[in-house]
Amino acid sequence: MTITEEQRKRMEENRLRALEIKRKRELEREQRERNSIIATEAGSSSTSNIFQDGGFVPSEQSEGTQGNTSRLSTDVSVHSSKQSNIRTNDGEVVISRNTNSNGNDENVDDDDESSLEEFEHNASQYITQTEAQRSYCLPMGTLAVCSYIEKDNPHKRGWSKMKLYARKEVRRRARKRFGGKAGLIQERESRKRKRLEKDLEEMKDVFCSR
């Protein structure tokens, strides 16, 4: 069957409209995740504990005040994998991995660390698994050795806890993996192009099959 120019034009409009709807849904989902992270940071501030260079570090106040330390569970276990689990009073679990197998500190900033990308300025100190993989192009194997906190999923009650990673550590590992800031940006843009090409190809197949 021959497709007329008008039909071809309508198919193209439908394809672009479908891509726009998909893009908006992804943006809405990412915004919901960011809002959840902001709420997490607000709740975490009550325990006066922060991530520093990928590790979990109590603040000076919690170190010097017995009353604050009682907010943390005394059951802190260190496993052979150099992982420390600390559960706060609100049920938040902090997973900290500070050293490698040789006992060396892995949380040393790269020289390129001080040069932030535009989207990183004033950004949350925690990021979701989705953002870690999309913005920093890290595979699950690398994320598995990163420090993170666990929070209840605000959108899917009853689901497994949501992992939030320390942005600073994720950024450092990503830049090391791709040879610095420029290499990470290049890798990210390359993946964006591939995703767009894949989306276009899928939409093309859908309309051509009709």
N, C-alpha and C. Protein backbone atom coordinates (compact mmCIF):
# COMPACT_ATOMS: atom_id res chain seq x y z
N MET A 1 0.84 -1.19 0.00
CA MET A 1 0.00 0.00 0.00
C MET A 1 0.88 1.24 0.00
N THR A 2 0.57 2.15 -0.90
CA THR A 2 1.34 3.39 -1.01
C THR A 2 0.88 4.39 0.04
N ILE A 3 1.84 4.98 0.72
CA ILE A 3 1.54 5.98 1.74
C ILE A 3 1.59 7.37 1.11
N THR A 4 0.53 8.11 1.28
CA THR A 4 0.49 9.46 0.72
C THR A 4 1.35 10.40 1.54
N GLU A 5 1.65 11.55 0.98
CA GLU A 5 2.46 12.54 1.67
C GLU A 5 1.77 13.03 2.94
N GLU A 6 0.45 13.16 2.87
CA GLU A 6 -0.30 13.60 4.04
C GLU A 6 -0.22 12.57 5.16
N GLN A 7 -0.32 11.28 4.80
CA GLN A 7 -0.22 10.22 5.80
C GLN A 7 1.19 10.17 6.40
N ARG A 8 2.18 10.38 5.55
CA ARG A 8 3.56 10.37 6.02
C ARG A 8 3.80 11.51 7.01
N LYS A 9 3.23 12.67 6.68
CA LYS A 9 3.37 13.83 7.56
C LYS A 9 2.69 13.58 8.90
N ARG A 10 1.49 12.97 8.85
CA ARG A 10 0.76 12.67 10.08
C ARG A 10 1.52 11.65 10.94
N MET A 11 2.13 10.67 10.29
CA MET A 11 2.92 9.68 11.01
C MET A 11 4.11 10.32 11.71
N GLU A 12 4.75 11.25 11.02
CA GLU A 12 5.89 11.94 11.61
C GLU A 12 5.46 12.78 12.81
N GLU A 13 4.32 13.46 12.68
CA GLU A 13 3.80 14.25 13.80
C GLU A 13 3.47 13.36 14.99
N ASN A 14 2.87 12.21 14.73
CA ASN A 14 2.54 11.28 15.81
C ASN A 14 3.80 10.75 16.49
N ARG A 15 4.82 10.48 15.67
CA ARG A 15 6.07 9.97 16.22
C ARG A 15 6.72 11.00 17.13
N LEU A 16 6.77 12.25 16.69
CA LEU A 16 7.37 13.31 17.50
C LEU A 16 6.55 13.56 18.76
N ARG A 17 5.22 13.47 18.63
CA ARG A 17 4.37 13.67 19.80
C ARG A 17 4.60 12.56 20.83
N ALA A 18 4.76 11.33 20.36
CA ALA A 18 5.01 10.21 21.26
C ALA A 18 6.35 10.36 21.98
N LEU A 19 7.36 10.82 21.25
CA LEU A 19 8.67 11.04 21.86
C LEU A 19 8.60 12.14 22.91
N GLU A 20 7.83 13.19 22.63
CA GLU A 20 7.70 14.30 23.57
C GLU A 20 6.99 13.83 24.85
N ILE A 21 5.96 13.01 24.69
CA ILE A 21 5.26 12.48 25.86
C ILE A 21 6.19 11.62 26.70
N LYS A 22 6.99 10.79 26.03
CA LYS A 22 7.94 9.94 26.74
C LYS A 22 8.97 10.78 27.49
N ARG A 23 9.45 11.85 26.84
CA ARG A 23 10.45 12.72 27.47
C ARG A 23 9.86 13.41 28.71
N LYS A 24 8.61 13.89 28.59
CA LYS A 24 7.97 14.56 29.73
C LYS A 24 7.78 13.61 30.90
N ARG A 25 7.41 12.37 30.60
CA ARG A 25 7.22 11.39 31.67
C ARG A 25 8.53 11.10 32.40
N GLU A 26 9.63 11.03 31.63
CA GLU A 26 10.93 10.80 32.25
C GLU A 26 11.32 11.97 33.14
N LEU A 27 11.05 13.20 32.67
CA LEU A 27 11.37 14.38 33.46
C LEU A 27 10.54 14.42 34.74
N GLU A 28 9.26 14.06 34.63
CA GLU A 28 8.39 14.04 35.81
C GLU A 28 8.87 13.01 36.82
N ARG A 29 9.28 11.84 36.33
CA ARG A 29 9.77 10.80 37.23
C ARG A 29 11.06 11.24 37.92
N GLU A 30 11.98 11.87 37.16
CA GLU A 30 13.22 12.34 37.75
C GLU A 30 12.96 13.44 38.77
N GLN A 31 11.95 14.30 38.50
CA GLN A 31 11.62 15.36 39.45
C GLN A 31 11.06 14.78 40.74
N ARG A 32 10.24 13.73 40.63
CA ARG A 32 9.72 13.08 41.83
C ARG A 32 10.85 12.49 42.66
N GLU A 33 11.84 11.91 41.97
CA GLU A 33 12.98 11.34 42.68
C GLU A 33 13.78 12.43 43.38
N ARG A 34 13.95 13.59 42.70
CA ARG A 34 14.69 14.70 43.32
C ARG A 34 13.95 15.20 44.56
N ASN A 35 12.62 15.32 44.45
CA ASN A 35 11.84 15.78 45.60
C ASN A 35 11.99 14.82 46.77
N SER A 36 12.04 13.53 46.45
CA SER A 36 12.22 12.53 47.50
C SER A 36 13.58 12.68 48.16
N ILE A 37 14.61 12.98 47.36
CA ILE A 37 15.96 13.15 47.90
C ILE A 37 16.01 14.37 48.80
N ILE A 38 15.35 15.45 48.38
CA ILE A 38 15.32 16.67 49.20
C ILE A 38 14.69 16.38 50.55
N ALA A 39 13.60 15.61 50.54
CA ALA A 39 12.94 15.24 51.79
C ALA A 39 13.85 14.37 52.64
N THR A 40 14.62 13.51 51.97
CA THR A 40 15.55 12.65 52.69
C THR A 40 16.62 13.46 53.38
N GLU A 41 17.16 14.46 52.67
CA GLU A 41 18.21 15.30 53.25
C GLU A 41 17.69 16.09 54.44
N ALA A 42 16.44 16.55 54.33
CA ALA A 42 15.85 17.30 55.44
C ALA A 42 15.71 16.41 56.67
N GLY A 43 15.32 15.15 56.44
CA GLY A 43 15.19 14.23 57.56
C GLY A 43 16.53 13.81 58.12
N SER A 44 17.52 13.68 57.24
CA SER A 44 18.84 13.24 57.69
C SER A 44 19.53 14.29 58.52
N SER A 45 19.21 15.57 58.32
CA SER A 45 19.87 16.64 59.05
C SER A 45 19.59 16.56 60.54
N SER A 46 18.47 15.93 60.92
CA SER A 46 18.13 15.84 62.33
C SER A 46 19.08 14.93 63.09
N THR A 47 19.77 14.05 62.38
CA THR A 47 20.71 13.15 63.04
C THR A 47 22.11 13.73 63.06
N SER A 48 22.30 14.89 62.44
CA SER A 48 23.59 15.58 62.39
C SER A 48 24.69 14.69 61.85
N ASN A 49 24.36 13.90 60.83
CA ASN A 49 25.36 13.05 60.20
C ASN A 49 25.37 13.32 58.71
N ILE A 50 26.56 13.27 58.10
CA ILE A 50 26.68 13.59 56.69
C ILE A 50 27.62 12.62 56.02
N PHE A 51 27.49 12.54 54.69
CA PHE A 51 28.48 11.83 53.89
C PHE A 51 29.64 12.79 53.64
N GLN A 52 30.83 12.29 53.74
CA GLN A 52 31.99 13.11 53.39
C GLN A 52 32.93 12.26 52.56
N ASP A 53 33.12 12.66 51.30
CA ASP A 53 33.99 11.94 50.37
C ASP A 53 33.58 10.48 50.23
N GLY A 54 32.28 10.20 50.32
CA GLY A 54 31.82 8.85 50.12
C GLY A 54 31.72 8.03 51.38
N GLY A 55 32.23 8.54 52.53
CA GLY A 55 32.15 7.80 53.78
C GLY A 55 31.15 8.43 54.70
N PHE A 56 30.76 7.73 55.76
CA PHE A 56 29.80 8.26 56.72
C PHE A 56 30.55 8.83 57.90
N VAL A 57 30.37 10.13 58.17
CA VAL A 57 31.13 10.81 59.21
C VAL A 57 30.19 11.52 60.16
N PRO A 58 30.22 11.23 61.45
CA PRO A 58 29.39 11.96 62.41
C PRO A 58 29.87 13.39 62.52
N SER A 59 28.96 14.32 62.80
CA SER A 59 29.34 15.72 62.96
C SER A 59 30.01 15.92 64.30
N GLU A 60 30.62 17.11 64.50
CA GLU A 60 31.31 17.40 65.75
C GLU A 60 30.35 17.36 66.93
N GLN A 61 29.12 17.81 66.69
CA GLN A 61 28.14 17.83 67.77
C GLN A 61 27.82 16.42 68.23
N SER A 62 27.65 15.49 67.27
CA SER A 62 27.31 14.13 67.66
C SER A 62 28.49 13.44 68.31
N GLU A 63 29.73 13.88 67.99
CA GLU A 63 30.89 13.28 68.61
C GLU A 63 31.04 13.75 70.04
N GLY A 64 30.68 15.00 70.29
CA GLY A 64 30.93 15.59 71.60
C GLY A 64 29.76 15.52 72.55
N THR A 65 28.61 15.11 72.09
CA THR A 65 27.41 15.10 72.94
C THR A 65 26.87 13.70 73.07
N GLN A 66 26.83 13.22 74.30
CA GLN A 66 26.36 11.87 74.55
C GLN A 66 24.91 11.71 74.15
N GLY A 67 24.12 12.79 74.32
CA GLY A 67 22.69 12.72 74.00
C GLY A 67 22.46 12.46 72.53
N ASN A 68 23.29 13.04 71.67
CA ASN A 68 23.11 12.85 70.24
C ASN A 68 23.51 11.45 69.81
N THR A 69 24.55 10.91 70.46
CA THR A 69 24.98 9.59 70.05
C THR A 69 23.95 8.54 70.38
N SER A 70 23.07 8.83 71.34
CA SER A 70 22.04 7.87 71.69
C SER A 70 21.00 7.75 70.60
N ARG A 71 21.00 8.69 69.63
CA ARG A 71 20.06 8.65 68.52
C ARG A 71 20.43 7.56 67.53
N LEU A 72 21.66 7.08 67.61
CA LEU A 72 22.11 6.03 66.71
C LEU A 72 22.08 4.69 67.42
N SER A 73 21.80 3.65 66.68
CA SER A 73 21.82 2.32 67.27
C SER A 73 23.23 1.96 67.67
N THR A 74 23.38 1.28 68.80
CA THR A 74 24.71 0.88 69.24
C THR A 74 25.19 -0.36 68.52
N ASP A 75 24.29 -0.95 67.75
CA ASP A 75 24.66 -2.16 67.02
C ASP A 75 25.26 -1.78 65.68
N VAL A 76 26.55 -1.49 65.65
CA VAL A 76 27.26 -1.10 64.43
C VAL A 76 28.22 -2.22 64.09
N SER A 77 28.00 -2.88 62.98
CA SER A 77 28.83 -4.02 62.62
C SER A 77 29.71 -3.69 61.44
N VAL A 78 30.98 -4.11 61.50
CA VAL A 78 31.92 -3.92 60.40
C VAL A 78 32.23 -5.29 59.83
N HIS A 79 31.93 -5.48 58.55
CA HIS A 79 32.10 -6.77 57.91
C HIS A 79 33.46 -6.86 57.25
N SER A 80 33.81 -8.06 56.80
CA SER A 80 35.12 -8.27 56.18
C SER A 80 35.29 -7.46 54.92
N SER A 81 34.18 -7.03 54.31
CA SER A 81 34.25 -6.25 53.08
C SER A 81 34.46 -4.77 53.37
N LYS A 82 34.77 -4.44 54.63
CA LYS A 82 34.99 -3.05 55.03
C LYS A 82 33.72 -2.24 54.91
N GLN A 83 32.58 -2.85 55.20
CA GLN A 83 31.29 -2.16 55.13
C GLN A 83 30.77 -1.92 56.54
N SER A 84 30.33 -0.70 56.82
CA SER A 84 29.76 -0.37 58.11
C SER A 84 28.29 0.00 57.94
N ASN A 85 27.42 -0.60 58.74
CA ASN A 85 25.99 -0.30 58.69
C ASN A 85 25.60 0.45 59.96
N ILE A 86 24.99 1.62 59.81
CA ILE A 86 24.53 2.39 60.95
C ILE A 86 23.06 2.71 60.74
N ARG A 87 22.22 2.36 61.71
CA ARG A 87 20.79 2.63 61.60
C ARG A 87 20.43 3.79 62.51
N THR A 88 19.83 4.84 61.94
CA THR A 88 19.44 6.01 62.70
C THR A 88 18.08 5.80 63.33
N ASN A 89 17.64 6.78 64.14
CA ASN A 89 16.39 6.63 64.87
C ASN A 89 15.17 6.62 63.98
N ASP A 90 15.29 7.14 62.75
CA ASP A 90 14.13 7.15 61.86
C ASP A 90 14.13 5.98 60.90
N GLY A 91 14.97 4.99 61.19
CA GLY A 91 14.97 3.79 60.36
C GLY A 91 15.88 3.87 59.16
N GLU A 92 16.58 4.98 58.98
CA GLU A 92 17.47 5.15 57.83
C GLU A 92 18.73 4.33 58.04
N VAL A 93 19.12 3.57 57.04
CA VAL A 93 20.32 2.75 57.13
C VAL A 93 21.40 3.37 56.27
N VAL A 94 22.56 3.59 56.86
CA VAL A 94 23.68 4.18 56.14
C VAL A 94 24.72 3.10 55.90
N ILE A 95 25.05 2.88 54.64
CA ILE A 95 26.05 1.88 54.27
C ILE A 95 27.31 2.63 53.87
N SER A 96 28.39 2.40 54.57
CA SER A 96 29.62 3.14 54.31
C SER A 96 30.74 2.18 53.99
N ARG A 97 31.41 2.42 52.87
CA ARG A 97 32.59 1.64 52.50
C ARG A 97 33.72 2.63 52.31
N ASN A 98 34.69 2.62 53.20
CA ASN A 98 35.72 3.65 53.19
C ASN A 98 37.07 3.21 52.68
N THR A 99 37.35 1.90 52.71
CA THR A 99 38.69 1.47 52.33
C THR A 99 38.63 0.35 51.32
N ASN A 100 39.72 0.19 50.57
CA ASN A 100 39.80 -0.90 49.62
C ASN A 100 40.45 -2.10 50.29
N SER A 101 40.72 -3.14 49.51
CA SER A 101 41.24 -4.37 50.08
C SER A 101 42.62 -4.18 50.70
N ASN A 102 43.36 -3.16 50.29
CA ASN A 102 44.68 -2.90 50.84
C ASN A 102 44.63 -1.98 52.04
N GLY A 103 43.42 -1.55 52.42
CA GLY A 103 43.29 -0.66 53.55
C GLY A 103 43.56 0.78 53.20
N ASN A 104 43.70 1.10 51.93
CA ASN A 104 43.98 2.47 51.53
C ASN A 104 42.70 3.26 51.40
N ASP A 105 42.76 4.53 51.65
CA ASP A 105 41.58 5.39 51.55
C ASP A 105 41.20 5.57 50.10
N GLU A 106 39.94 5.21 49.76
CA GLU A 106 39.46 5.36 48.39
C GLU A 106 38.79 6.70 48.17
N ASN A 107 38.62 7.48 49.22
CA ASN A 107 37.82 8.69 49.14
C ASN A 107 38.68 9.93 48.99
N VAL A 108 39.68 9.84 48.15
CA VAL A 108 40.56 10.97 47.89
C VAL A 108 40.07 11.68 46.63
N ASP A 109 39.89 12.98 46.71
CA ASP A 109 39.37 13.73 45.57
C ASP A 109 40.35 13.70 44.41
N ASP A 110 39.82 13.61 43.19
CA ASP A 110 40.63 13.79 42.00
C ASP A 110 40.89 15.27 41.81
N ASP A 111 41.91 15.59 41.02
CA ASP A 111 42.24 16.99 40.76
C ASP A 111 41.08 17.70 40.07
N ASP A 112 40.29 16.93 39.31
CA ASP A 112 39.20 17.51 38.52
C ASP A 112 37.92 17.67 39.35
N GLU A 113 37.95 17.24 40.60
CA GLU A 113 36.75 17.22 41.44
C GLU A 113 36.16 18.60 41.66
N SER A 114 37.02 19.62 41.76
CA SER A 114 36.54 20.97 42.07
C SER A 114 35.81 21.62 40.90
N SER A 115 35.96 21.05 39.71
CA SER A 115 35.32 21.61 38.52
C SER A 115 33.97 20.94 38.29
N LEU A 116 32.91 21.56 38.81
CA LEU A 116 31.58 20.99 38.70
C LEU A 116 30.94 21.32 37.36
N GLU A 117 30.05 20.44 36.91
CA GLU A 117 29.24 20.73 35.73
C GLU A 117 28.08 21.61 36.16
N GLU A 118 27.46 22.25 35.18
CA GLU A 118 26.40 23.22 35.48
C GLU A 118 25.27 22.60 36.29
N PHE A 119 24.86 21.39 35.94
CA PHE A 119 23.72 20.78 36.63
C PHE A 119 24.07 20.37 38.06
N GLU A 120 25.36 20.36 38.40
CA GLU A 120 25.77 19.91 39.73
C GLU A 120 25.78 21.04 40.76
N HIS A 121 25.79 22.29 40.30
CA HIS A 121 25.78 23.40 41.24
C HIS A 121 24.46 23.43 42.00
N ASN A 122 24.55 23.51 43.33
CA ASN A 122 23.38 23.54 44.21
C ASN A 122 22.53 22.27 44.10
N ALA A 123 23.11 21.21 43.56
CA ALA A 123 22.37 19.95 43.44
C ALA A 123 22.41 19.20 44.76
N SER A 124 21.49 18.26 44.90
CA SER A 124 21.42 17.45 46.11
C SER A 124 22.71 16.65 46.30
N GLN A 125 23.08 16.41 47.55
CA GLN A 125 24.28 15.62 47.82
C GLN A 125 24.02 14.13 47.64
N TYR A 126 22.76 13.74 47.56
CA TYR A 126 22.39 12.35 47.31
C TYR A 126 21.77 12.22 45.92
N ILE A 127 21.99 11.08 45.27
CA ILE A 127 21.37 10.83 43.97
C ILE A 127 20.82 9.41 43.95
N THR A 128 19.82 9.20 43.10
CA THR A 128 19.22 7.89 42.97
C THR A 128 20.07 7.00 42.06
N GLN A 129 19.75 5.74 42.05
CA GLN A 129 20.44 4.80 41.17
C GLN A 129 20.25 5.20 39.71
N THR A 130 19.05 5.66 39.36
CA THR A 130 18.77 6.07 37.99
C THR A 130 19.67 7.22 37.56
N GLU A 131 19.80 8.24 38.42
CA GLU A 131 20.64 9.38 38.08
C GLU A 131 22.11 8.99 38.04
N ALA A 132 22.52 8.11 38.93
CA ALA A 132 23.92 7.67 38.95
C ALA A 132 24.28 6.97 37.64
N GLN A 133 23.33 6.20 37.12
CA GLN A 133 23.59 5.49 35.87
C GLN A 133 23.45 6.39 34.65
N ARG A 134 22.49 7.32 34.69
CA ARG A 134 22.24 8.15 33.52
C ARG A 134 23.18 9.35 33.46
N SER A 135 23.36 10.06 34.57
CA SER A 135 24.18 11.27 34.56
C SER A 135 25.67 10.98 34.69
N TYR A 136 25.99 9.86 35.36
CA TYR A 136 27.40 9.55 35.60
C TYR A 136 27.84 8.25 34.93
N CYS A 137 26.93 7.59 34.24
CA CYS A 137 27.25 6.44 33.38
C CYS A 137 27.94 5.31 34.12
N LEU A 138 27.62 5.13 35.39
CA LEU A 138 28.25 4.06 36.16
C LEU A 138 27.42 2.78 36.08
N PRO A 139 28.08 1.64 35.91
CA PRO A 139 27.36 0.37 35.88
C PRO A 139 27.03 -0.09 37.30
N MET A 140 26.17 -1.07 37.42
CA MET A 140 25.77 -1.56 38.73
C MET A 140 26.94 -2.15 39.50
N GLY A 141 27.91 -2.71 38.78
CA GLY A 141 29.07 -3.27 39.45
C GLY A 141 29.84 -2.23 40.25
N THR A 142 29.95 -1.02 39.71
CA THR A 142 30.64 0.06 40.41
C THR A 142 29.77 0.61 41.53
N LEU A 143 28.48 0.77 41.28
CA LEU A 143 27.58 1.27 42.31
C LEU A 143 27.53 0.33 43.51
N ALA A 144 27.78 -0.95 43.27
CA ALA A 144 27.73 -1.93 44.36
C ALA A 144 28.78 -1.67 45.43
N VAL A 145 29.86 -0.96 45.07
CA VAL A 145 30.92 -0.69 46.05
C VAL A 145 30.87 0.75 46.55
N CYS A 146 29.84 1.50 46.15
CA CYS A 146 29.69 2.89 46.60
C CYS A 146 28.91 2.95 47.92
N SER A 147 29.18 3.99 48.70
CA SER A 147 28.42 4.22 49.92
C SER A 147 27.01 4.67 49.56
N TYR A 148 26.04 4.32 50.38
CA TYR A 148 24.66 4.75 50.11
C TYR A 148 23.85 4.72 51.40
N ILE A 149 22.70 5.38 51.35
CA ILE A 149 21.74 5.28 52.44
C ILE A 149 20.47 4.65 51.89
N GLU A 150 19.71 4.02 52.75
CA GLU A 150 18.46 3.38 52.35
C GLU A 150 17.29 4.12 52.96
N LYS A 151 16.29 4.43 52.12
CA LYS A 151 15.07 5.10 52.58
C LYS A 151 13.87 4.37 52.00
N ASP A 152 12.76 4.45 52.71
CA ASP A 152 11.52 3.88 52.18
C ASP A 152 11.15 4.59 50.89
N ASN A 153 10.68 3.83 49.91
CA ASN A 153 10.26 4.40 48.64
C ASN A 153 8.96 5.17 48.84
N PRO A 154 8.97 6.51 48.66
CA PRO A 154 7.77 7.31 48.93
C PRO A 154 6.65 7.11 47.93
N HIS A 155 6.97 6.56 46.76
CA HIS A 155 5.97 6.39 45.71
C HIS A 155 5.45 4.96 45.62
N LYS A 156 6.23 4.01 46.13
CA LYS A 156 5.86 2.60 46.05
C LYS A 156 5.95 1.97 47.44
N ARG A 157 4.96 2.20 48.27
CA ARG A 157 4.94 1.66 49.61
C ARG A 157 4.95 0.13 49.56
N GLY A 158 5.77 -0.47 50.40
CA GLY A 158 5.85 -1.91 50.43
C GLY A 158 6.94 -2.47 49.53
N TRP A 159 7.48 -1.63 48.65
CA TRP A 159 8.58 -2.06 47.79
C TRP A 159 9.86 -2.08 48.60
N SER A 160 10.92 -2.61 48.02
CA SER A 160 12.22 -2.61 48.69
C SER A 160 12.69 -1.18 48.88
N LYS A 161 13.56 -0.97 49.85
CA LYS A 161 14.02 0.38 50.17
C LYS A 161 14.79 0.98 48.99
N MET A 162 14.70 2.30 48.88
CA MET A 162 15.37 3.03 47.81
C MET A 162 16.79 3.39 48.24
N LYS A 163 17.75 3.15 47.37
CA LYS A 163 19.15 3.47 47.66
C LYS A 163 19.49 4.85 47.13
N LEU A 164 20.10 5.67 47.97
CA LEU A 164 20.56 6.99 47.58
C LEU A 164 22.07 7.05 47.78
N TYR A 165 22.77 7.42 46.72
CA TYR A 165 24.23 7.41 46.73
C TYR A 165 24.79 8.82 46.95
N ALA A 166 25.99 8.89 47.52
CA ALA A 166 26.66 10.17 47.71
C ALA A 166 27.16 10.68 46.36
N ARG A 167 26.64 11.83 45.93
CA ARG A 167 26.98 12.35 44.60
C ARG A 167 28.49 12.53 44.43
N LYS A 168 29.14 13.01 45.48
CA LYS A 168 30.57 13.30 45.38
C LYS A 168 31.37 12.05 45.06
N GLU A 169 31.03 10.96 45.72
CA GLU A 169 31.75 9.71 45.46
C GLU A 169 31.43 9.17 44.08
N VAL A 170 30.16 9.24 43.68
CA VAL A 170 29.76 8.76 42.36
C VAL A 170 30.47 9.56 41.27
N ARG A 171 30.52 10.89 41.45
CA ARG A 171 31.19 11.75 40.46
C ARG A 171 32.67 11.40 40.37
N ARG A 172 33.30 11.20 41.52
CA ARG A 172 34.74 10.89 41.53
C ARG A 172 35.01 9.57 40.80
N ARG A 173 34.21 8.55 41.08
CA ARG A 173 34.41 7.26 40.43
C ARG A 173 34.14 7.34 38.93
N ALA A 174 33.12 8.12 38.55
CA ALA A 174 32.78 8.25 37.13
C ALA A 174 33.89 8.94 36.35
N ARG A 175 34.41 10.01 36.92
CA ARG A 175 35.49 10.74 36.22
C ARG A 175 36.75 9.90 36.13
N LYS A 176 37.00 9.12 37.15
CA LYS A 176 38.17 8.23 37.11
C LYS A 176 37.97 7.17 36.04
N ARG A 177 36.76 6.67 35.91
CA ARG A 177 36.46 5.62 34.95
C ARG A 177 36.60 6.10 33.51
N PHE A 178 36.16 7.35 33.24
CA PHE A 178 36.14 7.86 31.87
C PHE A 178 37.25 8.87 31.58
N GLY A 179 38.24 8.95 32.45
CA GLY A 179 39.40 9.79 32.17
C GLY A 179 39.21 11.26 32.44
N GLY A 180 38.37 11.61 33.40
CA GLY A 180 38.19 13.01 33.77
C GLY A 180 36.83 13.56 33.39
N LYS A 181 36.65 14.85 33.65
CA LYS A 181 35.38 15.51 33.41
C LYS A 181 34.98 15.46 31.93
N ALA A 182 35.92 15.79 31.04
CA ALA A 182 35.63 15.82 29.61
C ALA A 182 35.23 14.43 29.11
N GLY A 183 35.93 13.42 29.60
CA GLY A 183 35.61 12.05 29.17
C GLY A 183 34.23 11.62 29.62
N LEU A 184 33.84 12.02 30.83
CA LEU A 184 32.51 11.69 31.33
C LEU A 184 31.43 12.37 30.51
N ILE A 185 31.64 13.66 30.21
CA ILE A 185 30.66 14.40 29.40
C ILE A 185 30.51 13.76 28.02
N GLN A 186 31.63 13.38 27.42
CA GLN A 186 31.60 12.75 26.10
C GLN A 186 30.83 11.42 26.14
N GLU A 187 31.08 10.64 27.17
CA GLU A 187 30.39 9.35 27.31
C GLU A 187 28.89 9.56 27.50
N ARG A 188 28.52 10.55 28.31
CA ARG A 188 27.11 10.82 28.57
C ARG A 188 26.39 11.25 27.29
N GLU A 189 27.02 12.15 26.53
CA GLU A 189 26.40 12.61 25.29
C GLU A 189 26.29 11.48 24.28
N SER A 190 27.29 10.61 24.26
CA SER A 190 27.25 9.47 23.34
C SER A 190 26.08 8.55 23.67
N ARG A 191 25.84 8.34 24.95
CA ARG A 191 24.73 7.48 25.36
C ARG A 191 23.39 8.13 25.08
N LYS A 192 23.32 9.45 25.24
CA LYS A 192 22.09 10.16 24.92
C LYS A 192 21.74 10.00 23.44
N ARG A 193 22.75 10.13 22.58
CA ARG A 193 22.52 9.98 21.14
C ARG A 193 22.03 8.57 20.81
N LYS A 194 22.64 7.59 21.46
CA LYS A 194 22.25 6.20 21.20
C LYS A 194 20.81 5.95 21.65
N ARG A 195 20.44 6.53 22.81
CA ARG A 195 19.06 6.35 23.29
C ARG A 195 18.07 7.01 22.34
N LEU A 196 18.42 8.20 21.85
CA LEU A 196 17.54 8.90 20.91
C LEU A 196 17.40 8.12 19.61
N GLU A 197 18.52 7.61 19.10
CA GLU A 197 18.48 6.83 17.87
C GLU A 197 17.63 5.57 18.06
N LYS A 198 17.75 4.96 19.24
CA LYS A 198 16.95 3.77 19.52
C LYS A 198 15.47 4.10 19.58
N ASP A 199 15.14 5.23 20.23
CA ASP A 199 13.73 5.65 20.32
C ASP A 199 13.16 5.94 18.94
N LEU A 200 13.94 6.62 18.12
CA LEU A 200 13.48 6.95 16.77
C LEU A 200 13.27 5.68 15.95
N GLU A 201 14.18 4.72 16.10
CA GLU A 201 14.06 3.48 15.36
C GLU A 201 12.83 2.70 15.80
N GLU A 202 12.57 2.69 17.13
CA GLU A 202 11.39 1.98 17.64
C GLU A 202 10.10 2.62 17.14
N MET A 203 10.07 3.95 17.15
CA MET A 203 8.87 4.64 16.67
C MET A 203 8.68 4.42 15.18
N LYS A 204 9.78 4.36 14.45
CA LYS A 204 9.71 4.13 13.01
C LYS A 204 9.13 2.74 12.73
N ASP A 205 9.58 1.75 13.52
CA ASP A 205 9.08 0.39 13.33
C ASP A 205 7.58 0.30 13.65
N VAL A 206 7.15 1.05 14.68
CA VAL A 206 5.74 1.02 15.07
C VAL A 206 4.86 1.55 13.96
N PHE A 207 5.24 2.69 13.39
CA PHE A 207 4.40 3.31 12.36
C PHE A 207 4.49 2.57 11.03
N CYS A 208 5.64 2.00 10.74
CA CYS A 208 5.79 1.28 9.47
C CYS A 208 5.03 -0.04 9.48
N SER A 209 4.79 -0.58 10.68
CA SER A 209 4.10 -1.86 10.77
C SER A 209 2.59 -1.72 10.62
N ARG A 210 2.11 -0.48 10.66
CA ARG A 210 0.66 -0.26 10.54
C ARG A 210 0.21 -0.33 9.09
